[in-house]
């Protein structure tokens, strides 16, 4: 193993201004966030210059679940004394550094102590056929739910993400500044003109006139056609040459006559011809 003595000697030297001389512009350490290009001669490191966190927890439930799983405790039968003792050791550790962060953990510690106290008391008498309620039930439910969410988040984290696991391919395409127009053929122009003429034929104007037709008048016409005849076929009462408006009014007139029981509309069987006659009125 070869050692560059010149480099070591240069690293140990300080310039006249008191700043360390950099070797290849690579810092060997950082002190209070400032780069340190050479080891200090007295090798003194302040006590609070370096902090090492072995575990990072996302909250009280995360810490509690870690303590249970690390010691292979049954989550449905948590030994509250041991877990609470280990939990309080961690809380006391963070209280001196971050009181605001410790507040949330202290709340959980109070809950653990309350559960342990309730377990020391005699259990309440349950109703016949029911089991006594376990003080740890609510805590177990929250821990199981939190563990499911944590496992689901870990599975989602394995899915490839844009910007973390892969990047979008970007290609720069240089386009010419000279615009290029499409070539138009004579056949295309003729077809476009034919389409315009076809659309023009579809847009036509027509005038609608109002025809005044009397239902009472057509009721009289229907009665005159039935006068002196025993049966008249339904279609004979309509004159198709007079237009749809007259046919509609004639049909309405027949409905009014049937409503006033002046005519009878009969049919012998299904799909048989429909006949119309004057209503029979017995002589008094």
Protein backbone atom coordinates (compact mmCIF):
# COMPACT_ATOMS: atom_id res chain seq x y z
CA UNK A 1 0.00 0.00 0.00
CA UNK A 2 1.54 3.29 -1.10
CA UNK A 3 0.94 6.57 0.73
CA UNK A 4 1.35 9.97 -0.86
CA UNK A 5 3.42 11.79 1.80
CA UNK A 6 3.24 15.08 -0.04
CA UNK A 7 -0.56 14.99 -0.01
CA UNK A 8 -0.66 14.21 3.71
CA UNK A 9 1.75 16.99 4.48
CA UNK A 10 -0.27 19.45 2.42
CA UNK A 11 -3.46 18.38 4.17
CA UNK A 12 -1.93 19.05 7.58
CA UNK A 13 -0.76 22.55 6.71
CA UNK A 14 -2.77 25.71 7.28
CA UNK A 15 -2.39 28.90 5.32
CA UNK A 16 -1.47 32.19 6.92
CA UNK A 17 -5.10 33.31 7.14
CA UNK A 18 -5.96 30.37 9.34
CA UNK A 19 -8.08 28.46 6.76
CA UNK A 20 -7.26 24.85 5.94
CA UNK A 21 -5.61 24.16 2.61
CA UNK A 22 -7.85 22.07 0.31
CA UNK A 23 -6.50 18.92 -1.27
CA UNK A 24 -8.09 18.34 -4.70
CA UNK A 25 -11.03 20.49 -3.44
CA UNK A 26 -12.50 17.51 -1.53
CA UNK A 27 -13.71 18.05 2.04
CA UNK A 28 -12.77 15.31 4.47
CA UNK A 29 -15.59 16.22 6.90
CA UNK A 30 -18.16 18.86 7.83
CA UNK A 31 -18.24 20.74 11.12
CA UNK A 32 -21.47 22.68 11.88
CA UNK A 33 -22.27 22.46 8.20
CA UNK A 34 -18.97 24.00 7.09
CA UNK A 35 -16.62 21.92 4.91
CA UNK A 36 -13.40 20.77 6.56
CA UNK A 37 -10.62 20.16 4.06
CA UNK A 38 -8.03 18.97 6.60
CA UNK A 39 -8.10 17.14 9.92
CA UNK A 40 -7.69 19.55 12.88
CA UNK A 41 -4.38 19.34 14.70
CA UNK A 42 -5.90 18.96 18.19
CA UNK A 43 -8.51 16.40 16.98
CA UNK A 44 -11.14 18.11 19.14
CA UNK A 45 -14.78 17.54 18.15
CA UNK A 46 -17.48 19.34 20.17
CA UNK A 47 -19.96 16.98 21.87
CA UNK A 48 -23.01 18.35 20.00
CA UNK A 49 -21.32 18.50 16.59
CA UNK A 50 -22.46 15.02 15.59
CA UNK A 51 -25.70 13.18 16.30
CA UNK A 52 -26.48 9.66 15.11
CA UNK A 53 -30.06 8.40 14.90
CA UNK A 54 -30.18 4.62 14.59
CA UNK A 55 -33.92 4.44 13.91
CA UNK A 56 -36.33 6.96 12.37
CA UNK A 57 -39.99 6.62 13.29
CA UNK A 58 -42.96 8.32 11.68
CA UNK A 59 -44.98 8.59 14.88
CA UNK A 60 -45.90 6.90 18.17
CA UNK A 61 -47.67 4.00 16.47
CA UNK A 62 -44.63 3.37 14.29
CA UNK A 63 -42.35 3.25 17.33
CA UNK A 64 -44.73 1.02 19.26
CA UNK A 65 -45.11 -1.37 16.34
CA UNK A 66 -41.31 -1.49 15.96
CA UNK A 67 -40.83 -2.45 19.63
CA UNK A 68 -43.45 -5.21 19.35
CA UNK A 69 -42.20 -6.69 16.08
CA UNK A 70 -38.53 -6.45 17.06
CA UNK A 71 -39.08 -8.68 20.12
CA UNK A 72 -41.56 -11.00 18.36
CA UNK A 73 -44.35 -10.17 20.77
CA UNK A 74 -47.86 -11.35 19.96
CA UNK A 75 -49.69 -8.22 18.94
CA UNK A 76 -52.95 -9.67 20.29
CA UNK A 77 -51.32 -10.22 23.71
CA UNK A 78 -48.96 -7.29 24.27
CA UNK A 79 -46.86 -7.36 27.46
CA UNK A 80 -47.68 -3.81 28.46
CA UNK A 81 -45.06 -3.47 31.22
CA UNK A 82 -42.04 -4.26 29.03
CA UNK A 83 -43.26 -2.36 26.00
CA UNK A 84 -44.17 0.69 28.05
CA UNK A 85 -40.77 0.71 29.75
CA UNK A 86 -38.90 0.59 26.42
CA UNK A 87 -41.22 3.18 24.93
CA UNK A 88 -40.58 5.62 27.80
CA UNK A 89 -36.80 5.22 27.36
CA UNK A 90 -37.10 6.45 23.79
CA UNK A 91 -39.45 9.28 24.79
CA UNK A 92 -37.01 10.48 27.46
CA UNK A 93 -34.29 10.45 24.80
CA UNK A 94 -36.15 12.79 22.45
CA UNK A 95 -37.56 15.08 25.15
CA UNK A 96 -34.20 16.75 25.66
CA UNK A 97 -33.76 17.43 21.94
CA UNK A 98 -37.18 18.24 20.50
CA UNK A 99 -39.97 18.97 22.99
CA UNK A 100 -42.49 19.67 20.24
CA UNK A 101 -41.84 16.27 18.65
CA UNK A 102 -41.97 14.55 22.05
CA UNK A 103 -45.48 15.88 22.81
CA UNK A 104 -47.12 13.39 20.45
CA UNK A 105 -45.08 10.54 21.88
CA UNK A 106 -45.96 11.61 25.45
CA UNK A 107 -49.64 11.35 24.60
CA UNK A 108 -49.17 7.74 23.52
CA UNK A 109 -47.09 7.09 26.67
CA UNK A 110 -49.98 8.30 28.80
CA UNK A 111 -52.29 5.96 26.91
CA UNK A 112 -49.96 3.00 27.54
CA UNK A 113 -49.78 3.78 31.26
CA UNK A 114 -53.58 4.05 31.41
CA UNK A 115 -53.96 0.64 29.72
CA UNK A 116 -51.47 -0.92 32.14
CA UNK A 117 -53.33 0.60 35.09
CA UNK A 118 -56.66 -0.74 33.85
CA UNK A 119 -55.13 -4.20 33.49
CA UNK A 120 -54.05 -4.11 37.14
CA UNK A 121 -57.59 -3.39 38.29
CA UNK A 122 -60.13 -6.21 38.71
CA UNK A 123 -61.99 -6.79 35.43
CA UNK A 124 -65.52 -5.52 35.13
CA UNK A 125 -68.27 -8.08 35.28
CA UNK A 126 -69.55 -8.83 31.81
CA UNK A 127 -73.06 -9.83 30.89
CA UNK A 128 -73.83 -13.56 30.75
CA UNK A 129 -72.47 -15.09 27.54
CA UNK A 130 -70.09 -12.16 26.85
CA UNK A 131 -66.35 -11.96 27.39
CA UNK A 132 -64.79 -9.25 29.52
CA UNK A 133 -63.43 -6.36 27.44
CA UNK A 134 -59.64 -6.28 27.10
CA UNK A 135 -58.18 -2.77 27.78
CA UNK A 136 -55.67 -3.43 24.99
CA UNK A 137 -58.34 -4.04 22.31
CA UNK A 138 -58.48 -0.47 20.98
CA UNK A 139 -54.68 -0.20 20.86
CA UNK A 140 -54.39 -3.54 19.04
CA UNK A 141 -56.98 -2.41 16.50
CA UNK A 142 -55.06 0.81 15.79
CA UNK A 143 -51.75 -1.04 15.50
CA UNK A 144 -53.15 -3.62 13.04
CA UNK A 145 -54.76 -0.91 10.94
CA UNK A 146 -51.55 1.14 10.92
CA UNK A 147 -49.50 -1.93 9.92
CA UNK A 148 -51.82 -2.66 7.00
CA UNK A 149 -51.51 0.93 5.77
CA UNK A 150 -47.73 0.84 6.18
CA UNK A 151 -47.42 -2.41 4.18
CA UNK A 152 -49.68 -1.01 1.46
CA UNK A 153 -47.54 2.14 1.27
CA UNK A 154 -44.41 -0.02 0.95
CA UNK A 155 -45.99 -1.94 -1.92
CA UNK A 156 -46.95 1.29 -3.67
CA UNK A 157 -43.39 2.54 -3.21
CA UNK A 158 -42.09 -0.43 -5.23
CA UNK A 159 -44.08 0.71 -8.27
CA UNK A 160 -41.78 2.54 -10.71
CA UNK A 161 -42.24 6.29 -10.43
CA UNK A 162 -41.53 8.98 -12.96
CA UNK A 163 -38.50 11.01 -11.98
CA UNK A 164 -37.29 8.46 -9.46
CA UNK A 165 -37.00 5.20 -11.38
CA UNK A 166 -37.32 6.34 -14.97
CA UNK A 167 -37.43 9.50 -17.04
CA UNK A 168 -39.38 10.53 -20.08
CA UNK A 169 -37.48 10.39 -23.33
CA UNK A 170 -37.26 13.82 -24.91
CA UNK A 171 -36.12 14.33 -28.48
CA UNK A 172 -35.42 17.71 -29.99
CA UNK A 173 -36.72 17.95 -33.56
CA UNK A 174 -35.57 20.86 -35.65
CA UNK A 175 -38.27 22.12 -37.98
CA UNK A 176 -37.69 24.21 -41.03
CA UNK A 177 -38.74 27.85 -40.82
CA UNK A 178 -40.11 27.69 -44.38
CA UNK A 179 -43.81 26.68 -44.19
CA UNK A 180 -44.83 23.81 -46.42
CA UNK A 181 -48.41 23.88 -47.72
CA UNK A 182 -50.15 20.71 -48.90
CA UNK A 183 -50.58 20.21 -52.62
CA UNK A 184 -54.22 20.62 -53.78
CA UNK A 185 -55.42 18.80 -56.90
CA UNK A 186 -58.24 19.83 -59.25
CA UNK A 187 -60.17 16.72 -58.25
CA UNK A 188 -60.06 17.80 -54.60
CA UNK A 189 -61.45 21.25 -55.45
CA UNK A 190 -64.27 19.72 -57.50
CA UNK A 191 -65.20 17.38 -54.67
CA UNK A 192 -65.17 20.23 -52.13
CA UNK A 193 -67.44 22.32 -54.37
CA UNK A 194 -69.85 19.37 -54.78
CA UNK A 195 -70.04 19.01 -51.01
CA UNK A 196 -70.93 22.70 -50.61
CA UNK A 197 -73.74 22.40 -53.17
CA UNK A 198 -75.07 19.30 -51.42
CA UNK A 199 -75.19 21.11 -48.06
CA UNK A 200 -76.90 24.09 -49.69
CA UNK A 201 -79.72 21.83 -50.92
CA UNK A 202 -80.31 20.60 -47.39
CA UNK A 203 -80.86 24.14 -46.11
CA UNK A 204 -84.23 25.16 -47.58
CA UNK A 205 -86.91 27.53 -46.34
CA UNK A 206 -90.64 26.87 -46.43
CA UNK A 207 -93.63 28.83 -45.20
CA UNK A 208 -96.14 27.33 -42.80
CA UNK A 209 -99.69 28.62 -43.17
CA UNK A 210 -102.33 28.34 -40.48
CA UNK A 211 -105.54 26.59 -41.47
CA UNK A 212 -108.58 27.22 -39.30
CA UNK A 213 -110.51 23.97 -38.93
CA UNK A 214 -113.57 23.48 -36.76
CA UNK A 215 -114.01 20.25 -34.82
CA UNK A 216 -117.76 20.90 -34.49
CA UNK A 217 -118.09 21.29 -38.25
CA UNK A 218 -116.36 17.96 -38.90
CA UNK A 219 -118.50 16.31 -36.22
CA UNK A 220 -121.53 17.34 -38.31
CA UNK A 221 -119.85 15.99 -41.46
CA UNK A 222 -119.26 12.59 -39.82
CA UNK A 223 -122.91 12.46 -38.62
CA UNK A 224 -124.17 13.25 -42.13
CA UNK A 225 -122.04 10.45 -43.59
CA UNK A 226 -123.49 7.98 -41.07
CA UNK A 227 -127.09 9.17 -41.55
CA UNK A 228 -129.27 6.46 -43.09
CA UNK A 229 -126.51 3.83 -43.07
CA UNK A 230 -126.28 0.92 -40.68
CA UNK A 231 -122.50 0.49 -40.61
CA UNK A 232 -119.71 2.51 -42.23
CA UNK A 233 -116.14 1.28 -42.39
CA UNK A 234 -113.74 3.40 -40.37
CA UNK A 235 -111.51 4.31 -43.34
CA UNK A 236 -114.46 5.61 -45.43
CA UNK A 237 -114.90 8.53 -43.05
CA UNK A 238 -111.51 10.00 -43.96
CA UNK A 239 -110.62 11.85 -47.14
CA UNK A 240 -106.85 11.58 -47.69
CA UNK A 241 -106.91 14.14 -50.50
CA UNK A 242 -107.69 16.98 -48.08
CA UNK A 243 -104.33 16.71 -46.30
CA UNK A 244 -103.06 15.62 -42.87
CA UNK A 245 -104.66 18.54 -41.01
CA UNK A 246 -108.19 17.56 -42.07
CA UNK A 247 -107.52 13.90 -41.23
CA UNK A 248 -106.43 14.85 -37.70
CA UNK A 249 -109.46 17.08 -37.13
CA UNK A 250 -111.79 14.36 -38.47
CA UNK A 251 -110.28 11.83 -36.06
CA UNK A 252 -110.69 14.27 -33.14
CA UNK A 253 -114.31 14.85 -34.22
CA UNK A 254 -114.96 11.10 -34.12
CA UNK A 255 -113.48 10.89 -30.61
CA UNK A 256 -115.71 13.72 -29.45
CA UNK A 257 -118.79 12.01 -30.94
CA UNK A 258 -117.85 8.75 -29.20
CA UNK A 259 -117.34 10.64 -25.94
CA UNK A 260 -120.82 12.16 -26.25
CA UNK A 261 -122.23 8.67 -27.08
CA UNK A 262 -123.50 9.86 -30.46
CA UNK A 263 -121.66 7.14 -32.41
CA UNK A 264 -120.48 3.60 -31.70
CA UNK A 265 -117.15 2.17 -32.85
CA UNK A 266 -117.14 -1.65 -33.02
CA UNK A 267 -114.82 -4.47 -34.09
CA UNK A 268 -115.81 -8.15 -34.33
CA UNK A 269 -112.39 -9.59 -33.44
CA UNK A 270 -108.72 -8.70 -33.27
CA UNK A 271 -107.35 -7.29 -36.55
CA UNK A 272 -110.86 -7.29 -38.01
CA UNK A 273 -112.19 -4.19 -39.81
CA UNK A 274 -113.43 -1.37 -37.60
CA UNK A 275 -116.98 -0.11 -38.20
CA UNK A 276 -118.74 3.06 -37.12
CA UNK A 277 -122.50 3.62 -36.76
CA UNK A 278 -124.89 6.01 -35.14
CA UNK A 279 -125.60 5.26 -31.53
CA UNK A 280 -128.91 3.48 -30.94
CA UNK A 281 -131.39 5.56 -28.97
CA UNK A 282 -134.59 3.72 -27.96
CA UNK A 283 -137.89 5.47 -28.61
CA UNK A 284 -139.63 6.52 -25.41
